Amino acid sequence: MLVYMHRMLGKTNIAVQARNWKRIILGGVLMASKVWDDLAVWNIDFCSILPMVSNEEMNHLERFYLTAMDFNVNVKPSL
């Protein structure tokens, strides 16, 4: 999660603030769960746990992270 957050923040001009830190963490968790878990996780699964986030918002967050990271989701296990 931290690697993905660091990559995204490093490629964008986004500063972590009181109003956006939750979405930044959520995006990192979303990316990490999809890349590192053996079982497929759907965005709608996150929405069932977090009803204040719509599926459309989750899809947008995932697209934003992937685009910001240039689709570089590979992380060495040693890292």
PDB file of N, CA and C in Angstrom:
ATOM      1  N   MET A   1       0.829  -1.182   0.000  1.00  0.00           N
ATOM      2  CA  MET A   1       0.000   0.000   0.000  1.00  0.00           C
ATOM      3  C   MET A   1       0.878   1.252   0.000  1.00  0.00           C
ATOM      4  N   LEU A   2       1.871   1.265   0.865  1.00  0.00           N
ATOM      5  CA  LEU A   2       2.730   2.442   0.956  1.00  0.00           C
ATOM      6  C   LEU A   2       3.522   2.676  -0.325  1.00  0.00           C
ATOM      7  N   VAL A   3       3.937   1.596  -0.968  1.00  0.00           N
ATOM      8  CA  VAL A   3       4.682   1.736  -2.230  1.00  0.00           C
ATOM      9  C   VAL A   3       3.801   2.393  -3.278  1.00  0.00           C
ATOM     10  N   TYR A   4       2.561   1.946  -3.391  1.00  0.00           N
ATOM     11  CA  TYR A   4       1.648   2.519  -4.379  1.00  0.00           C
ATOM     12  C   TYR A   4       1.320   3.974  -4.055  1.00  0.00           C
ATOM     13  N   MET A   5       1.113   4.259  -2.772  1.00  0.00           N
ATOM     14  CA  MET A   5       0.846   5.642  -2.389  1.00  0.00           C
ATOM     15  C   MET A   5       2.050   6.521  -2.708  1.00  0.00           C
ATOM     16  N   HIS A   6       3.228   6.040  -2.394  1.00  0.00           N
ATOM     17  CA  HIS A   6       4.450   6.806  -2.660  1.00  0.00           C
ATOM     18  C   HIS A   6       4.629   7.046  -4.159  1.00  0.00           C
ATOM     19  N   ARG A   7       4.378   6.021  -4.968  1.00  0.00           N
ATOM     20  CA  ARG A   7       4.492   6.180  -6.427  1.00  0.00           C
ATOM     21  C   ARG A   7       3.507   7.203  -6.957  1.00  0.00           C
ATOM     22  N   MET A   8       2.262   7.096  -6.520  1.00  0.00           N
ATOM     23  CA  MET A   8       1.237   8.013  -6.999  1.00  0.00           C
ATOM     24  C   MET A   8       1.562   9.447  -6.599  1.00  0.00           C
ATOM     25  N   LEU A   9       1.927   9.652  -5.338  1.00  0.00           N
ATOM     26  CA  LEU A   9       2.231  11.001  -4.857  1.00  0.00           C
ATOM     27  C   LEU A   9       3.483  11.556  -5.529  1.00  0.00           C
ATOM     28  N   GLY A  10       4.432  10.681  -5.830  1.00  0.00           N
ATOM     29  CA  GLY A  10       5.656  11.124  -6.488  1.00  0.00           C
ATOM     30  C   GLY A  10       5.453  11.554  -7.928  1.00  0.00           C
ATOM     31  N   LYS A  11       4.422  11.023  -8.571  1.00  0.00           N
ATOM     32  CA  LYS A  11       4.155  11.353  -9.979  1.00  0.00           C
ATOM     33  C   LYS A  11       3.138  12.468 -10.153  1.00  0.00           C
ATOM     34  N   THR A  12       2.503  12.882  -9.066  1.00  0.00           N
ATOM     35  CA  THR A  12       1.488  13.932  -9.150  1.00  0.00           C
ATOM     36  C   THR A  12       1.900  15.103  -8.248  1.00  0.00           C
ATOM     37  N   ASN A  13       1.185  16.156  -8.329  1.00  0.00           N
ATOM     38  CA  ASN A  13       1.432  17.316  -7.468  1.00  0.00           C
ATOM     39  C   ASN A  13       0.477  17.334  -6.281  1.00  0.00           C
ATOM     40  N   ILE A  14       0.008  16.191  -5.892  1.00  0.00           N
ATOM     41  CA  ILE A  14      -0.953  16.109  -4.800  1.00  0.00           C
ATOM     42  C   ILE A  14      -0.212  16.128  -3.472  1.00  0.00           C
ATOM     43  N   ALA A  15      -0.671  16.960  -2.569  1.00  0.00           N
ATOM     44  CA  ALA A  15      -0.137  17.016  -1.209  1.00  0.00           C
ATOM     45  C   ALA A  15      -1.146  16.350  -0.274  1.00  0.00           C
ATOM     46  N   VAL A  16      -0.654  15.576   0.646  1.00  0.00           N
ATOM     47  CA  VAL A  16      -1.537  14.929   1.614  1.00  0.00           C
ATOM     48  C   VAL A  16      -2.058  15.999   2.565  1.00  0.00           C
ATOM     49  N   GLN A  17      -3.387  16.082   2.629  1.00  0.00           N
ATOM     50  CA  GLN A  17      -4.041  17.085   3.466  1.00  0.00           C
ATOM     51  C   GLN A  17      -5.179  16.438   4.237  1.00  0.00           C
ATOM     52  N   ALA A  18      -5.738  17.198   5.142  1.00  0.00           N
ATOM     53  CA  ALA A  18      -6.839  16.695   5.964  1.00  0.00           C
ATOM     54  C   ALA A  18      -8.033  16.257   5.118  1.00  0.00           C
ATOM     55  N   ARG A  19      -8.227  16.879   3.969  1.00  0.00           N
ATOM     56  CA  ARG A  19      -9.409  16.572   3.160  1.00  0.00           C
ATOM     57  C   ARG A  19      -9.204  15.428   2.178  1.00  0.00           C
ATOM     58  N   ASN A  20      -7.951  14.967   1.970  1.00  0.00           N
ATOM     59  CA  ASN A  20      -7.754  13.923   0.962  1.00  0.00           C
ATOM     60  C   ASN A  20      -7.002  12.692   1.453  1.00  0.00           C
ATOM     61  N   TRP A  21      -6.536  12.662   2.683  1.00  0.00           N
ATOM     62  CA  TRP A  21      -5.703  11.554   3.126  1.00  0.00           C
ATOM     63  C   TRP A  21      -6.452  10.223   3.116  1.00  0.00           C
ATOM     64  N   LYS A  22      -7.744  10.244   3.398  1.00  0.00           N
ATOM     65  CA  LYS A  22      -8.504   8.989   3.411  1.00  0.00           C
ATOM     66  C   LYS A  22      -8.582   8.378   2.023  1.00  0.00           C
ATOM     67  N   ARG A  23      -8.812   9.197   1.009  1.00  0.00           N
ATOM     68  CA  ARG A  23      -8.890   8.679  -0.365  1.00  0.00           C
ATOM     69  C   ARG A  23      -7.524   8.191  -0.847  1.00  0.00           C
ATOM     70  N   ILE A  24      -6.466   8.870  -0.428  1.00  0.00           N
ATOM     71  CA  ILE A  24      -5.119   8.449  -0.812  1.00  0.00           C
ATOM     72  C   ILE A  24      -4.825   7.065  -0.229  1.00  0.00           C
ATOM     73  N   ILE A  25      -5.165   6.866   1.031  1.00  0.00           N
ATOM     74  CA  ILE A  25      -4.959   5.562   1.661  1.00  0.00           C
ATOM     75  C   ILE A  25      -5.857   4.516   1.028  1.00  0.00           C
ATOM     76  N   LEU A  26      -7.109   4.857   0.794  1.00  0.00           N
ATOM     77  CA  LEU A  26      -8.039   3.922   0.175  1.00  0.00           C
ATOM     78  C   LEU A  26      -7.532   3.470  -1.195  1.00  0.00           C
ATOM     79  N   GLY A  27      -7.021   4.391  -1.985  1.00  0.00           N
ATOM     80  CA  GLY A  27      -6.475   4.022  -3.288  1.00  0.00           C
ATOM     81  C   GLY A  27      -5.290   3.084  -3.169  1.00  0.00           C
ATOM     82  N   GLY A  28      -4.418   3.332  -2.196  1.00  0.00           N
ATOM     83  CA  GLY A  28      -3.272   2.447  -1.972  1.00  0.00           C
ATOM     84  C   GLY A  28      -3.701   1.058  -1.539  1.00  0.00           C
ATOM     85  N   VAL A  29      -4.682   0.982  -0.657  1.00  0.00           N
ATOM     86  CA  VAL A  29      -5.201  -0.313  -0.209  1.00  0.00           C
ATOM     87  C   VAL A  29      -5.863  -1.045  -1.371  1.00  0.00           C
ATOM     88  N   LEU A  30      -6.635  -0.333  -2.157  1.00  0.00           N
ATOM     89  CA  LEU A  30      -7.304  -0.920  -3.320  1.00  0.00           C
ATOM     90  C   LEU A  30      -6.283  -1.528  -4.275  1.00  0.00           C
ATOM     91  N   MET A  31      -5.235  -0.766  -4.594  1.00  0.00           N
ATOM     92  CA  MET A  31      -4.214  -1.266  -5.519  1.00  0.00           C
ATOM     93  C   MET A  31      -3.489  -2.471  -4.934  1.00  0.00           C
ATOM     94  N   ALA A  32      -3.090  -2.388  -3.682  1.00  0.00           N
ATOM     95  CA  ALA A  32      -2.353  -3.482  -3.057  1.00  0.00           C
ATOM     96  C   ALA A  32      -3.186  -4.757  -2.984  1.00  0.00           C
ATOM     97  N   SER A  33      -4.463  -4.611  -2.665  1.00  0.00           N
ATOM     98  CA  SER A  33      -5.305  -5.801  -2.551  1.00  0.00           C
ATOM     99  C   SER A  33      -5.507  -6.469  -3.900  1.00  0.00           C
ATOM    100  N   LYS A  34      -5.592  -5.694  -4.947  1.00  0.00           N
ATOM    101  CA  LYS A  34      -5.797  -6.274  -6.276  1.00  0.00           C
ATOM    102  C   LYS A  34      -4.528  -6.922  -6.819  1.00  0.00           C
ATOM    103  N   VAL A  35      -3.376  -6.362  -6.479  1.00  0.00           N
ATOM    104  CA  VAL A  35      -2.126  -6.886  -7.015  1.00  0.00           C
ATOM    105  C   VAL A  35      -1.600  -8.048  -6.179  1.00  0.00           C
ATOM    106  N   TRP A  36      -1.712  -7.954  -4.872  1.00  0.00           N
ATOM    107  CA  TRP A  36      -1.053  -8.921  -4.002  1.00  0.00           C
ATOM    108  C   TRP A  36      -1.939 -10.052  -3.503  1.00  0.00           C
ATOM    109  N   ASP A  37      -3.236  -9.914  -3.498  1.00  0.00           N
ATOM    110  CA  ASP A  37      -4.114 -10.997  -3.033  1.00  0.00           C
ATOM    111  C   ASP A  37      -4.336 -12.007  -4.143  1.00  0.00           C
ATOM    112  N   ASP A  38      -4.397 -13.271  -3.756  1.00  0.00           N
ATOM    113  CA  ASP A  38      -4.651 -14.326  -4.736  1.00  0.00           C
ATOM    114  C   ASP A  38      -6.101 -14.339  -5.204  1.00  0.00           C
ATOM    115  N   LEU A  39      -7.013 -13.917  -4.359  1.00  0.00           N
ATOM    116  CA  LEU A  39      -8.421 -13.879  -4.720  1.00  0.00           C
ATOM    117  C   LEU A  39      -8.766 -12.532  -5.327  1.00  0.00           C
ATOM    118  N   ALA A  40      -9.563 -12.564  -6.353  1.00  0.00           N
ATOM    119  CA  ALA A  40      -9.966 -11.318  -7.009  1.00  0.00           C
ATOM    120  C   ALA A  40     -10.838 -10.493  -6.061  1.00  0.00           C
ATOM    121  N   VAL A  41     -10.520  -9.223  -5.981  1.00  0.00           N
ATOM    122  CA  VAL A  41     -11.307  -8.288  -5.181  1.00  0.00           C
ATOM    123  C   VAL A  41     -11.969  -7.312  -6.137  1.00  0.00           C
ATOM    124  N   TRP A  42     -13.256  -7.163  -5.996  1.00  0.00           N
ATOM    125  CA  TRP A  42     -14.002  -6.248  -6.852  1.00  0.00           C
ATOM    126  C   TRP A  42     -14.197  -4.934  -6.113  1.00  0.00           C
ATOM    127  N   ASN A  43     -14.278  -3.861  -6.861  1.00  0.00           N
ATOM    128  CA  ASN A  43     -14.500  -2.552  -6.247  1.00  0.00           C
ATOM    129  C   ASN A  43     -15.801  -2.518  -5.451  1.00  0.00           C
ATOM    130  N   ILE A  44     -16.788  -3.223  -5.923  1.00  0.00           N
ATOM    131  CA  ILE A  44     -18.074  -3.250  -5.227  1.00  0.00           C
ATOM    132  C   ILE A  44     -17.933  -3.886  -3.843  1.00  0.00           C
ATOM    133  N   ASP A  45     -16.948  -4.777  -3.667  1.00  0.00           N
ATOM    134  CA  ASP A  45     -16.694  -5.363  -2.351  1.00  0.00           C
ATOM    135  C   ASP A  45     -16.244  -4.290  -1.364  1.00  0.00           C
ATOM    136  N   PHE A  46     -15.396  -3.387  -1.818  1.00  0.00           N
ATOM    137  CA  PHE A  46     -14.974  -2.280  -0.965  1.00  0.00           C
ATOM    138  C   PHE A  46     -16.164  -1.379  -0.645  1.00  0.00           C
ATOM    139  N   CYS A  47     -17.014  -1.181  -1.619  1.00  0.00           N
ATOM    140  CA  CYS A  47     -18.175  -0.300  -1.415  1.00  0.00           C
ATOM    141  C   CYS A  47     -19.144  -0.876  -0.393  1.00  0.00           C
ATOM    142  N   SER A  48     -19.217  -2.195  -0.296  1.00  0.00           N
ATOM    143  CA  SER A  48     -20.110  -2.787   0.698  1.00  0.00           C
ATOM    144  C   SER A  48     -19.592  -2.541   2.116  1.00  0.00           C
ATOM    145  N   ILE A  49     -18.276  -2.402   2.254  1.00  0.00           N
ATOM    146  CA  ILE A  49     -17.681  -2.107   3.555  1.00  0.00           C
ATOM    147  C   ILE A  49     -17.706  -0.604   3.832  1.00  0.00           C
ATOM    148  N   LEU A  50     -17.552   0.178   2.768  1.00  0.00           N
ATOM    149  CA  LEU A  50     -17.502   1.640   2.873  1.00  0.00           C
ATOM    150  C   LEU A  50     -18.678   2.242   2.107  1.00  0.00           C
ATOM    151  N   PRO A  51     -19.865   2.251   2.679  1.00  0.00           N
ATOM    152  CA  PRO A  51     -21.046   2.706   1.941  1.00  0.00           C
ATOM    153  C   PRO A  51     -21.009   4.176   1.537  1.00  0.00           C
ATOM    154  N   MET A  52     -20.085   4.956   2.123  1.00  0.00           N
ATOM    155  CA  MET A  52     -20.009   6.370   1.752  1.00  0.00           C
ATOM    156  C   MET A  52     -19.260   6.578   0.440  1.00  0.00           C
ATOM    157  N   VAL A  53     -18.702   5.509  -0.132  1.00  0.00           N
ATOM    158  CA  VAL A  53     -17.979   5.573  -1.397  1.00  0.00           C
ATOM    159  C   VAL A  53     -18.756   4.773  -2.432  1.00  0.00           C
ATOM    160  N   SER A  54     -19.124   5.416  -3.524  1.00  0.00           N
ATOM    161  CA  SER A  54     -19.878   4.722  -4.568  1.00  0.00           C
ATOM    162  C   SER A  54     -18.939   3.888  -5.433  1.00  0.00           C
ATOM    163  N   ASN A  55     -19.502   2.965  -6.149  1.00  0.00           N
ATOM    164  CA  ASN A  55     -18.719   2.129  -7.056  1.00  0.00           C
ATOM    165  C   ASN A  55     -18.059   2.979  -8.137  1.00  0.00           C
ATOM    166  N   GLU A  56     -18.753   4.008  -8.613  1.00  0.00           N
ATOM    167  CA  GLU A  56     -18.180   4.901  -9.613  1.00  0.00           C
ATOM    168  C   GLU A  56     -16.966   5.637  -9.065  1.00  0.00           C
ATOM    169  N   GLU A  57     -17.068   6.085  -7.800  1.00  0.00           N
ATOM    170  CA  GLU A  57     -15.922   6.757  -7.174  1.00  0.00           C
ATOM    171  C   GLU A  57     -14.737   5.803  -7.022  1.00  0.00           C
ATOM    172  N   MET A  58     -15.024   4.567  -6.661  1.00  0.00           N
ATOM    173  CA  MET A  58     -13.967   3.566  -6.504  1.00  0.00           C
ATOM    174  C   MET A  58     -13.309   3.276  -7.848  1.00  0.00           C
ATOM    175  N   ASN A  59     -14.110   3.161  -8.890  1.00  0.00           N
ATOM    176  CA  ASN A  59     -13.562   2.940 -10.236  1.00  0.00           C
ATOM    177  C   ASN A  59     -12.681   4.112 -10.657  1.00  0.00           C
ATOM    178  N   HIS A  60     -13.140   5.321 -10.388  1.00  0.00           N
ATOM    179  CA  HIS A  60     -12.366   6.518 -10.730  1.00  0.00           C
ATOM    180  C   HIS A  60     -11.047   6.543  -9.960  1.00  0.00           C
ATOM    181  N   LEU A  61     -11.089   6.205  -8.675  1.00  0.00           N
ATOM    182  CA  LEU A  61      -9.887   6.189  -7.849  1.00  0.00           C
ATOM    183  C   LEU A  61      -8.873   5.177  -8.382  1.00  0.00           C
ATOM    184  N   GLU A  62      -9.356   4.017  -8.766  1.00  0.00           N
ATOM    185  CA  GLU A  62      -8.466   2.993  -9.326  1.00  0.00           C
ATOM    186  C   GLU A  62      -7.838   3.464 -10.643  1.00  0.00           C
ATOM    187  N   ARG A  63      -8.645   4.030 -11.512  1.00  0.00           N
ATOM    188  CA  ARG A  63      -8.114   4.551 -12.785  1.00  0.00           C
ATOM    189  C   ARG A  63      -7.095   5.653 -12.545  1.00  0.00           C
ATOM    190  N   PHE A  64      -7.384   6.531 -11.588  1.00  0.00           N
ATOM    191  CA  PHE A  64      -6.464   7.620 -11.270  1.00  0.00           C
ATOM    192  C   PHE A  64      -5.122   7.070 -10.805  1.00  0.00           C
ATOM    193  N   TYR A  65      -5.152   6.130  -9.885  1.00  0.00           N
ATOM    194  CA  TYR A  65      -3.906   5.542  -9.384  1.00  0.00           C
ATOM    195  C   TYR A  65      -3.130   4.877 -10.508  1.00  0.00           C
ATOM    196  N   LEU A  66      -3.804   4.062 -11.307  1.00  0.00           N
ATOM    197  CA  LEU A  66      -3.119   3.361 -12.391  1.00  0.00           C
ATOM    198  C   LEU A  66      -2.498   4.329 -13.386  1.00  0.00           C
ATOM    199  N   THR A  67      -3.212   5.361 -13.742  1.00  0.00           N
ATOM    200  CA  THR A  67      -2.698   6.351 -14.690  1.00  0.00           C
ATOM    201  C   THR A  67      -1.536   7.127 -14.084  1.00  0.00           C
ATOM    202  N   ALA A  68      -1.678   7.552 -12.832  1.00  0.00           N
ATOM    203  CA  ALA A  68      -0.621   8.314 -12.169  1.00  0.00           C
ATOM    204  C   ALA A  68       0.658   7.491 -12.046  1.00  0.00           C
ATOM    205  N   MET A  69       0.522   6.182 -11.850  1.00  0.00           N
ATOM    206  CA  MET A  69       1.687   5.315 -11.703  1.00  0.00           C
ATOM    207  C   MET A  69       2.172   4.754 -13.031  1.00  0.00           C
ATOM    208  N   ASP A  70       1.603   5.236 -14.126  1.00  0.00           N
ATOM    209  CA  ASP A  70       1.940   4.713 -15.455  1.00  0.00           C
ATOM    210  C   ASP A  70       1.755   3.204 -15.522  1.00  0.00           C
ATOM    211  N   PHE A  71       0.748   2.698 -14.840  1.00  0.00           N
ATOM    212  CA  PHE A  71       0.400   1.280 -14.801  1.00  0.00           C
ATOM    213  C   PHE A  71       1.537   0.407 -14.268  1.00  0.00           C
ATOM    214  N   ASN A  72       2.465   0.994 -13.529  1.00  0.00           N
ATOM    215  CA  ASN A  72       3.576   0.256 -12.939  1.00  0.00           C
ATOM    216  C   ASN A  72       3.156  -0.269 -11.568  1.00  0.00           C
ATOM    217  N   VAL A  73       2.579  -1.462 -11.550  1.00  0.00           N
ATOM    218  CA  VAL A  73       2.107  -2.048 -10.295  1.00  0.00           C
ATOM    219  C   VAL A  73       3.078  -3.107  -9.776  1.00  0.00           C
ATOM    220  N   ASN A  74       4.154  -3.352 -10.489  1.00  0.00           N
ATOM    221  CA  ASN A  74       5.134  -4.350 -10.046  1.00  0.00           C
ATOM    222  C   ASN A  74       5.915  -3.822  -8.849  1.00  0.00           C
ATOM    223  N   VAL A  75       5.970  -4.637  -7.821  1.00  0.00           N
ATOM    224  CA  VAL A  75       6.735  -4.318  -6.627  1.00  0.00           C
ATOM    225  C   VAL A  75       7.506  -5.579  -6.256  1.00  0.00           C
ATOM    226  N   LYS A  76       8.795  -5.439  -6.084  1.00  0.00           N
ATOM    227  CA  LYS A  76       9.612  -6.578  -5.674  1.00  0.00           C
ATOM    228  C   LYS A  76       9.231  -6.979  -4.250  1.00  0.00           C
ATOM    229  N   PRO A  77       9.075  -8.257  -4.000  1.00  0.00           N
ATOM    230  CA  PRO A  77       8.726  -8.695  -2.637  1.00  0.00           C
ATOM    231  C   PRO A  77       9.716  -8.202  -1.589  1.00  0.00           C
ATOM    232  N   SER A  78      10.965  -8.028  -1.963  1.00  0.00           N
ATOM    233  CA  SER A  78      11.961  -7.550  -0.997  1.00  0.00           C
ATOM    234  C   SER A  78      11.699  -6.107  -0.573  1.00  0.00           C
ATOM    235  N   LEU A  79      11.053  -5.351  -1.447  1.00  0.00           N
ATOM    236  CA  LEU A  79      10.744  -3.960  -1.124  1.00  0.00           C
ATOM    237  C   LEU A  79       9.628  -3.906  -0.105  1.00  0.00           C
TER     238      LEU A  79
END
